[in-house]
């Protein structure tokens, strides 16, 4: 969440690089945050970005 507060928007690869995790693990994190309605996504495919609600 700190990264989102600093950058205003992030992509899946940003999470992967910051945490040194696999794409699948970062998608799990993203899905949990979206289910808790803490973030929302914009764009499609590789261009998907996540922002705070």
Protein backbone atom coordinates (compact mmCIF):
# COMPACT_ATOMS: atom_id res chain seq x y z
CA UNK A 1 0.00 0.00 0.00
CA UNK A 2 2.91 2.36 0.67
CA UNK A 3 4.05 2.01 -2.93
CA UNK A 4 0.56 2.95 -4.11
CA UNK A 5 0.50 5.99 -1.86
CA UNK A 6 3.84 7.16 -3.28
CA UNK A 7 3.29 6.40 -6.96
CA UNK A 8 -0.51 6.89 -7.17
CA UNK A 9 -0.74 3.86 -9.50
CA UNK A 10 1.16 0.61 -9.92
CA UNK A 11 1.22 -2.36 -12.24
CA UNK A 12 1.52 -6.05 -11.45
CA UNK A 13 5.20 -6.06 -12.43
CA UNK A 14 5.89 -3.30 -9.87
CA UNK A 15 4.57 -5.56 -7.11
CA UNK A 16 6.58 -8.51 -8.43
CA UNK A 17 9.82 -6.52 -8.50
CA UNK A 18 9.32 -4.85 -5.13
CA UNK A 19 8.50 -8.08 -3.29
CA UNK A 20 10.57 -10.49 -5.45
CA UNK A 21 7.58 -12.75 -6.04
CA UNK A 22 6.03 -14.63 -8.94
CA UNK A 23 3.28 -13.21 -11.14
CA UNK A 24 0.81 -15.64 -9.57
CA UNK A 25 1.66 -14.46 -6.06
CA UNK A 26 1.25 -10.81 -7.02
CA UNK A 27 -2.14 -11.56 -8.60
CA UNK A 28 -3.23 -13.12 -5.30
CA UNK A 29 -2.26 -9.96 -3.46
CA UNK A 30 -4.06 -7.79 -6.02
CA UNK A 31 -7.18 -9.96 -5.85
CA UNK A 32 -7.27 -9.72 -2.03
CA UNK A 33 -6.93 -5.94 -2.13
CA UNK A 34 -9.65 -5.67 -4.79
CA UNK A 35 -11.98 -7.93 -2.78
CA UNK A 36 -11.48 -5.68 0.26
CA UNK A 37 -12.26 -2.74 -2.04
CA UNK A 38 -8.97 -1.00 -1.20
CA UNK A 39 -7.84 -0.68 -4.82
CA UNK A 40 -9.43 -0.58 -8.25
CA UNK A 41 -8.03 -1.44 -11.65
CA UNK A 42 -7.91 0.60 -14.82
CA UNK A 43 -6.87 -0.56 -18.27
CA UNK A 44 -6.65 -4.04 -19.72
CA UNK A 45 -4.06 -6.77 -20.07
CA UNK A 46 -0.46 -5.66 -19.65
CA UNK A 47 -1.59 -2.06 -19.34
CA UNK A 48 -3.68 -2.69 -16.22
CA UNK A 49 -2.86 -0.28 -13.44
CA UNK A 50 -4.07 -0.33 -9.86
CA UNK A 51 -4.99 2.75 -7.87
CA UNK A 52 -6.28 3.42 -4.37
CA UNK A 53 -10.01 3.89 -4.02
